[in-house]
Each structure stands twice: as structure tokens, then as C-alpha cells.
């Protein structure tokens, strides 16, 4: 930074900003959560191919953001996180995940911390 001829404000303007959804929790029994995540990983891979990172869940990378679902390591729930460069894209990514996850009867339909009811 000492060699940069810009103010900190100017440097930060060049860094892209993203909108992040709060961490969402979808309740699912401990005995079923890993199987559900494995099936979600496969479903996302079938649809999005190499845009799915399957380390500890499914992180799907979209053009303007990403979404993640993983099994909590210590609670009976799935953890979801969404991030995008616009509110519209953020809601679109959330909707894609909501549609896939609600197909599983093992997962509670009402998500904790979900901003959309």
C-alpha cells in the first residue's frame, strides 16, 4: 500500500462488491443430511457440470454469483449460503437451491434465517 499512489477509498473502489444472503439453515435429521447432500451434489452436477465444486457439499458457481449447500457437522441441518453481484441474481440463485432442496421430504420446508417466506 505504501507504493500505491491512490487513496484507500480509490483502491477499494476497484474491488468488486457482492451481496451476501445470511447463512440459512434447513433442518434435516442427522441420519439423513449427508445422503441428501450427496443427492443434491449429483443433481447439481447433472445440471451444471463442472461449475459444481463438491468439496464438503455442493458449491455451484454461476456467472454473477454462487450458492452453497452442505451438511452441518454438528447440528441436524443443511447450511446454505448465497452470494451474487446483484440482488436479482442473488434471489435467482436462492430460488434454484430452494427448488432443488424442497424436492426432499427429509428437509424441513421452512428455512431458518431465510429472508423470503
N, C-alpha and C. Protein backbone atom coordinates (compact mmCIF):
# COMPACT_ATOMS: atom_id res chain seq x y z
N UNK A 1 0.82 -1.19 0.00
CA UNK A 1 0.00 0.00 0.00
C UNK A 1 0.86 1.26 0.00
N UNK A 2 2.04 1.18 0.61
CA UNK A 2 2.86 2.38 0.68
C UNK A 2 3.35 2.82 -0.69
N UNK A 3 3.33 1.92 -1.69
CA UNK A 3 3.80 2.26 -3.03
C UNK A 3 2.66 2.61 -3.97
N UNK A 4 1.43 2.47 -3.54
CA UNK A 4 0.27 2.77 -4.37
C UNK A 4 -0.02 4.26 -4.29
N UNK A 5 -0.26 4.85 -5.44
CA UNK A 5 -0.48 6.29 -5.49
C UNK A 5 -1.97 6.63 -5.46
N UNK A 6 -2.76 5.79 -4.80
CA UNK A 6 -4.20 6.01 -4.66
C UNK A 6 -4.55 6.02 -3.18
N UNK A 7 -5.65 6.66 -2.87
CA UNK A 7 -6.14 6.60 -1.50
C UNK A 7 -6.76 5.21 -1.26
N UNK A 8 -6.94 4.87 -0.02
CA UNK A 8 -7.57 3.58 0.31
C UNK A 8 -8.96 3.51 -0.31
N UNK A 9 -9.71 4.59 -0.28
CA UNK A 9 -11.04 4.63 -0.88
C UNK A 9 -10.97 4.31 -2.37
N UNK A 10 -10.02 4.87 -3.07
CA UNK A 10 -9.86 4.61 -4.50
C UNK A 10 -9.46 3.16 -4.76
N UNK A 11 -8.61 2.60 -3.93
CA UNK A 11 -8.21 1.19 -4.08
C UNK A 11 -9.42 0.30 -3.88
N UNK A 12 -10.22 0.57 -2.86
CA UNK A 12 -11.39 -0.25 -2.58
C UNK A 12 -12.45 -0.15 -3.67
N UNK A 13 -12.50 0.96 -4.38
CA UNK A 13 -13.47 1.11 -5.47
C UNK A 13 -13.22 0.11 -6.59
N UNK A 14 -11.98 -0.34 -6.75
CA UNK A 14 -11.62 -1.30 -7.80
C UNK A 14 -11.94 -2.74 -7.43
N UNK A 15 -12.26 -2.98 -6.19
CA UNK A 15 -12.57 -4.34 -5.73
C UNK A 15 -14.06 -4.58 -5.92
N UNK A 16 -14.42 -5.65 -6.63
CA UNK A 16 -15.85 -5.91 -6.84
C UNK A 16 -16.57 -6.18 -5.51
N UNK A 17 -17.80 -5.74 -5.43
CA UNK A 17 -18.58 -6.00 -4.23
C UNK A 17 -19.72 -6.96 -4.55
N UNK A 18 -20.07 -7.76 -3.57
CA UNK A 18 -21.11 -8.75 -3.74
C UNK A 18 -22.13 -8.62 -2.62
N UNK A 19 -23.32 -9.06 -2.93
CA UNK A 19 -24.39 -9.09 -1.94
C UNK A 19 -24.43 -10.51 -1.39
N UNK A 20 -24.44 -10.64 -0.09
CA UNK A 20 -24.44 -11.94 0.55
C UNK A 20 -25.72 -12.13 1.34
N UNK A 21 -26.35 -13.27 1.15
CA UNK A 21 -27.51 -13.68 1.92
C UNK A 21 -27.00 -14.14 3.28
N UNK A 22 -27.75 -13.95 4.36
CA UNK A 22 -27.29 -14.51 5.64
C UNK A 22 -27.25 -16.03 5.56
N UNK A 23 -26.45 -16.65 6.41
CA UNK A 23 -26.38 -18.11 6.44
C UNK A 23 -27.76 -18.66 6.76
N UNK A 24 -28.24 -19.52 5.88
CA UNK A 24 -29.58 -20.09 6.02
C UNK A 24 -29.43 -21.53 6.50
N UNK A 25 -30.38 -21.97 7.33
CA UNK A 25 -30.34 -23.33 7.86
C UNK A 25 -31.66 -24.03 7.53
N UNK A 26 -31.53 -25.21 6.94
CA UNK A 26 -32.69 -26.04 6.63
C UNK A 26 -32.58 -27.30 7.48
N UNK A 27 -33.52 -27.49 8.38
CA UNK A 27 -33.45 -28.61 9.31
C UNK A 27 -33.63 -29.95 8.59
N UNK A 28 -32.77 -30.89 8.96
CA UNK A 28 -32.76 -32.22 8.37
C UNK A 28 -32.12 -33.16 9.39
N UNK A 29 -32.70 -34.32 9.58
CA UNK A 29 -32.17 -35.26 10.58
C UNK A 29 -30.70 -35.59 10.30
N UNK A 30 -29.95 -35.76 11.40
CA UNK A 30 -28.53 -36.14 11.27
C UNK A 30 -28.36 -37.40 10.43
N UNK A 31 -29.27 -38.34 10.62
CA UNK A 31 -29.16 -39.62 9.92
C UNK A 31 -29.43 -39.50 8.41
N UNK A 32 -29.96 -38.37 7.96
CA UNK A 32 -30.33 -38.22 6.55
C UNK A 32 -29.58 -37.09 5.84
N UNK A 33 -29.00 -36.16 6.57
CA UNK A 33 -28.46 -34.95 5.95
C UNK A 33 -27.33 -35.21 4.96
N UNK A 34 -26.45 -36.16 5.24
CA UNK A 34 -25.35 -36.43 4.32
C UNK A 34 -25.83 -37.09 3.03
N UNK A 35 -26.80 -37.97 3.15
CA UNK A 35 -27.37 -38.60 1.97
C UNK A 35 -28.07 -37.54 1.10
N UNK A 36 -28.81 -36.65 1.73
CA UNK A 36 -29.49 -35.58 0.98
C UNK A 36 -28.46 -34.72 0.25
N UNK A 37 -27.39 -34.34 0.94
CA UNK A 37 -26.35 -33.52 0.30
C UNK A 37 -25.70 -34.28 -0.86
N UNK A 38 -25.42 -35.56 -0.68
CA UNK A 38 -24.84 -36.35 -1.77
C UNK A 38 -25.75 -36.35 -2.99
N UNK A 39 -27.05 -36.49 -2.76
CA UNK A 39 -28.01 -36.48 -3.87
C UNK A 39 -28.10 -35.09 -4.51
N UNK A 40 -28.02 -34.04 -3.70
CA UNK A 40 -28.01 -32.68 -4.24
C UNK A 40 -26.77 -32.44 -5.09
N UNK A 41 -25.63 -32.91 -4.62
CA UNK A 41 -24.38 -32.77 -5.39
C UNK A 41 -24.56 -33.40 -6.76
N UNK A 42 -25.08 -34.62 -6.80
CA UNK A 42 -25.27 -35.30 -8.09
C UNK A 42 -26.27 -34.56 -8.98
N UNK A 43 -27.34 -34.07 -8.40
CA UNK A 43 -28.34 -33.34 -9.17
C UNK A 43 -27.75 -32.05 -9.75
N UNK A 44 -27.01 -31.32 -8.93
CA UNK A 44 -26.38 -30.10 -9.42
C UNK A 44 -25.34 -30.42 -10.50
N UNK A 45 -24.58 -31.49 -10.33
CA UNK A 45 -23.58 -31.87 -11.33
C UNK A 45 -24.23 -32.22 -12.67
N UNK A 46 -25.37 -32.90 -12.60
CA UNK A 46 -26.08 -33.24 -13.84
C UNK A 46 -26.52 -31.99 -14.58
N UNK A 47 -26.92 -30.99 -13.83
CA UNK A 47 -27.43 -29.77 -14.45
C UNK A 47 -26.34 -28.75 -14.79
N UNK A 48 -25.32 -28.64 -13.92
CA UNK A 48 -24.33 -27.56 -14.08
C UNK A 48 -22.91 -28.07 -14.34
N UNK A 49 -22.72 -29.38 -14.37
CA UNK A 49 -21.43 -29.96 -14.73
C UNK A 49 -20.26 -29.47 -13.90
N UNK A 50 -19.25 -28.96 -14.61
CA UNK A 50 -18.01 -28.56 -13.93
C UNK A 50 -18.11 -27.25 -13.18
N UNK A 51 -19.29 -26.66 -13.12
CA UNK A 51 -19.49 -25.46 -12.31
C UNK A 51 -19.82 -25.81 -10.86
N UNK A 52 -19.79 -27.11 -10.56
CA UNK A 52 -20.08 -27.60 -9.20
C UNK A 52 -18.77 -28.01 -8.53
N UNK A 53 -18.50 -27.41 -7.40
CA UNK A 53 -17.36 -27.80 -6.57
C UNK A 53 -17.95 -28.65 -5.45
N UNK A 54 -17.51 -29.90 -5.39
CA UNK A 54 -18.17 -30.85 -4.48
C UNK A 54 -17.36 -31.16 -3.22
N UNK A 55 -16.51 -30.26 -2.81
CA UNK A 55 -15.78 -30.44 -1.55
C UNK A 55 -16.69 -29.99 -0.41
N UNK A 56 -17.06 -30.90 0.46
CA UNK A 56 -17.91 -30.60 1.62
C UNK A 56 -19.25 -30.00 1.20
N UNK A 57 -19.92 -30.64 0.26
CA UNK A 57 -21.23 -30.16 -0.18
C UNK A 57 -21.22 -29.82 -1.65
N UNK A 58 -22.12 -28.94 -2.04
CA UNK A 58 -22.19 -28.51 -3.44
C UNK A 58 -22.13 -26.99 -3.49
N UNK A 59 -21.06 -26.48 -4.07
CA UNK A 59 -20.96 -25.05 -4.35
C UNK A 59 -21.12 -24.92 -5.85
N UNK A 60 -22.17 -24.23 -6.28
CA UNK A 60 -22.44 -24.05 -7.70
C UNK A 60 -22.06 -22.62 -8.07
N UNK A 61 -21.18 -22.50 -9.03
CA UNK A 61 -20.69 -21.20 -9.48
C UNK A 61 -21.48 -20.77 -10.69
N UNK A 62 -22.10 -19.61 -10.60
CA UNK A 62 -22.86 -19.02 -11.70
C UNK A 62 -22.07 -17.83 -12.25
N UNK A 63 -22.51 -17.28 -13.36
CA UNK A 63 -21.81 -16.15 -13.97
C UNK A 63 -21.68 -14.96 -13.03
N UNK A 64 -22.68 -14.70 -12.25
CA UNK A 64 -22.69 -13.50 -11.41
C UNK A 64 -22.80 -13.81 -9.92
N UNK A 65 -22.42 -15.02 -9.50
CA UNK A 65 -22.51 -15.36 -8.09
C UNK A 65 -22.35 -16.85 -7.86
N UNK A 66 -22.72 -17.28 -6.68
CA UNK A 66 -22.61 -18.69 -6.33
C UNK A 66 -23.57 -19.03 -5.19
N UNK A 67 -23.83 -20.34 -5.05
CA UNK A 67 -24.63 -20.85 -3.95
C UNK A 67 -23.97 -22.10 -3.40
N UNK A 68 -24.16 -22.34 -2.11
CA UNK A 68 -23.55 -23.48 -1.45
C UNK A 68 -24.57 -24.16 -0.55
N UNK A 69 -24.59 -25.48 -0.59
CA UNK A 69 -25.33 -26.27 0.39
C UNK A 69 -24.38 -27.34 0.92
N UNK A 70 -24.38 -27.48 2.24
CA UNK A 70 -23.55 -28.51 2.87
C UNK A 70 -24.26 -28.98 4.13
N UNK A 71 -23.88 -30.15 4.60
CA UNK A 71 -24.42 -30.67 5.86
C UNK A 71 -23.64 -30.05 7.01
N UNK A 72 -24.36 -29.58 8.02
CA UNK A 72 -23.71 -29.09 9.23
C UNK A 72 -22.97 -30.24 9.89
N UNK A 73 -21.78 -29.98 10.39
CA UNK A 73 -21.02 -31.06 11.03
C UNK A 73 -21.49 -31.36 12.45
N UNK A 74 -22.24 -30.44 13.06
CA UNK A 74 -22.62 -30.69 14.46
C UNK A 74 -24.09 -30.45 14.79
N UNK A 75 -24.90 -30.09 13.80
CA UNK A 75 -26.33 -29.88 14.04
C UNK A 75 -27.15 -30.61 12.98
N UNK A 76 -28.39 -30.95 13.27
CA UNK A 76 -29.22 -31.64 12.29
C UNK A 76 -29.81 -30.66 11.26
N UNK A 77 -28.94 -30.20 10.37
CA UNK A 77 -29.39 -29.21 9.39
C UNK A 77 -28.45 -29.13 8.20
N UNK A 78 -28.99 -28.57 7.13
CA UNK A 78 -28.19 -28.20 5.97
C UNK A 78 -27.90 -26.71 6.10
N UNK A 79 -26.72 -26.31 5.70
CA UNK A 79 -26.33 -24.91 5.73
C UNK A 79 -26.26 -24.41 4.30
N UNK A 80 -26.86 -23.24 4.06
CA UNK A 80 -26.87 -22.67 2.72
C UNK A 80 -26.33 -21.24 2.76
N UNK A 81 -25.55 -20.90 1.74
CA UNK A 81 -25.01 -19.56 1.62
C UNK A 81 -25.12 -19.15 0.15
N UNK A 82 -25.51 -17.92 -0.09
CA UNK A 82 -25.66 -17.39 -1.44
C UNK A 82 -24.95 -16.05 -1.55
N UNK A 83 -24.33 -15.81 -2.70
CA UNK A 83 -23.67 -14.54 -2.93
C UNK A 83 -23.77 -14.22 -4.42
N UNK A 84 -24.00 -12.94 -4.74
CA UNK A 84 -24.11 -12.53 -6.14
C UNK A 84 -23.78 -11.05 -6.27
N UNK A 85 -23.62 -10.63 -7.51
CA UNK A 85 -23.28 -9.22 -7.71
C UNK A 85 -24.49 -8.30 -7.76
N UNK A 86 -25.69 -8.86 -7.86
CA UNK A 86 -26.91 -8.05 -7.79
C UNK A 86 -27.95 -8.75 -6.93
N UNK A 87 -28.88 -8.00 -6.41
CA UNK A 87 -29.97 -8.57 -5.61
C UNK A 87 -30.80 -9.53 -6.45
N UNK A 88 -31.04 -9.17 -7.69
CA UNK A 88 -31.84 -10.01 -8.59
C UNK A 88 -31.17 -11.37 -8.79
N UNK A 89 -29.88 -11.37 -9.04
CA UNK A 89 -29.16 -12.63 -9.25
C UNK A 89 -29.10 -13.44 -7.95
N UNK A 90 -28.93 -12.76 -6.83
CA UNK A 90 -28.91 -13.43 -5.53
C UNK A 90 -30.22 -14.20 -5.31
N UNK A 91 -31.33 -13.55 -5.59
CA UNK A 91 -32.63 -14.20 -5.41
C UNK A 91 -32.84 -15.33 -6.40
N UNK A 92 -32.29 -15.19 -7.59
CA UNK A 92 -32.39 -16.25 -8.59
C UNK A 92 -31.62 -17.50 -8.13
N UNK A 93 -30.41 -17.29 -7.61
CA UNK A 93 -29.61 -18.41 -7.12
C UNK A 93 -30.30 -19.08 -5.94
N UNK A 94 -30.82 -18.29 -5.02
CA UNK A 94 -31.55 -18.83 -3.88
C UNK A 94 -32.74 -19.67 -4.35
N UNK A 95 -33.44 -19.19 -5.35
CA UNK A 95 -34.61 -19.89 -5.89
C UNK A 95 -34.22 -21.25 -6.50
N UNK A 96 -33.10 -21.30 -7.19
CA UNK A 96 -32.62 -22.56 -7.77
C UNK A 96 -32.37 -23.58 -6.67
N UNK A 97 -31.71 -23.15 -5.60
CA UNK A 97 -31.44 -24.05 -4.48
C UNK A 97 -32.73 -24.45 -3.76
N UNK A 98 -33.61 -23.49 -3.56
CA UNK A 98 -34.87 -23.77 -2.86
C UNK A 98 -35.68 -24.83 -3.61
N UNK A 99 -35.74 -24.69 -4.92
CA UNK A 99 -36.49 -25.65 -5.73
C UNK A 99 -35.90 -27.05 -5.62
N UNK A 100 -34.59 -27.16 -5.70
CA UNK A 100 -33.96 -28.49 -5.60
C UNK A 100 -34.14 -29.10 -4.21
N UNK A 101 -33.95 -28.29 -3.18
CA UNK A 101 -33.98 -28.81 -1.81
C UNK A 101 -35.39 -29.17 -1.37
N UNK A 102 -36.39 -28.41 -1.78
CA UNK A 102 -37.75 -28.71 -1.35
C UNK A 102 -38.27 -30.01 -1.96
N UNK A 103 -37.57 -30.55 -2.94
CA UNK A 103 -37.95 -31.85 -3.51
C UNK A 103 -37.67 -32.99 -2.52
N UNK A 104 -36.89 -32.71 -1.49
CA UNK A 104 -36.55 -33.73 -0.50
C UNK A 104 -37.47 -33.60 0.71
N UNK A 105 -38.28 -34.61 0.94
CA UNK A 105 -39.20 -34.57 2.08
C UNK A 105 -38.46 -34.64 3.42
N UNK A 106 -37.20 -35.07 3.39
CA UNK A 106 -36.40 -35.15 4.60
C UNK A 106 -35.99 -33.77 5.14
N UNK A 107 -36.10 -32.75 4.30
CA UNK A 107 -35.67 -31.41 4.66
C UNK A 107 -36.89 -30.55 5.00
N UNK A 108 -36.83 -29.88 6.13
CA UNK A 108 -37.95 -29.01 6.54
C UNK A 108 -38.14 -27.91 5.49
N UNK A 109 -39.39 -27.64 5.13
CA UNK A 109 -39.65 -26.65 4.06
C UNK A 109 -39.38 -25.20 4.48
N UNK A 110 -39.46 -24.92 5.77
CA UNK A 110 -39.21 -23.55 6.23
C UNK A 110 -37.76 -23.44 6.68
N UNK A 111 -37.05 -22.51 6.09
CA UNK A 111 -35.63 -22.35 6.39
C UNK A 111 -35.44 -21.29 7.46
N UNK A 112 -34.54 -21.54 8.38
CA UNK A 112 -34.19 -20.57 9.42
C UNK A 112 -33.26 -19.51 8.80
N UNK A 113 -33.51 -18.25 9.09
CA UNK A 113 -32.75 -17.12 8.57
C UNK A 113 -33.05 -16.81 7.11
N UNK A 114 -34.05 -17.45 6.55
CA UNK A 114 -34.41 -17.17 5.16
C UNK A 114 -35.10 -15.82 5.10
N UNK A 115 -34.63 -14.95 4.26
CA UNK A 115 -35.23 -13.61 4.17
C UNK A 115 -36.53 -13.62 3.39
N UNK A 116 -36.80 -14.73 2.72
CA UNK A 116 -38.01 -14.84 1.91
C UNK A 116 -38.88 -15.94 2.49
N UNK A 117 -40.10 -15.62 2.80
CA UNK A 117 -41.01 -16.60 3.40
C UNK A 117 -41.89 -17.18 2.29
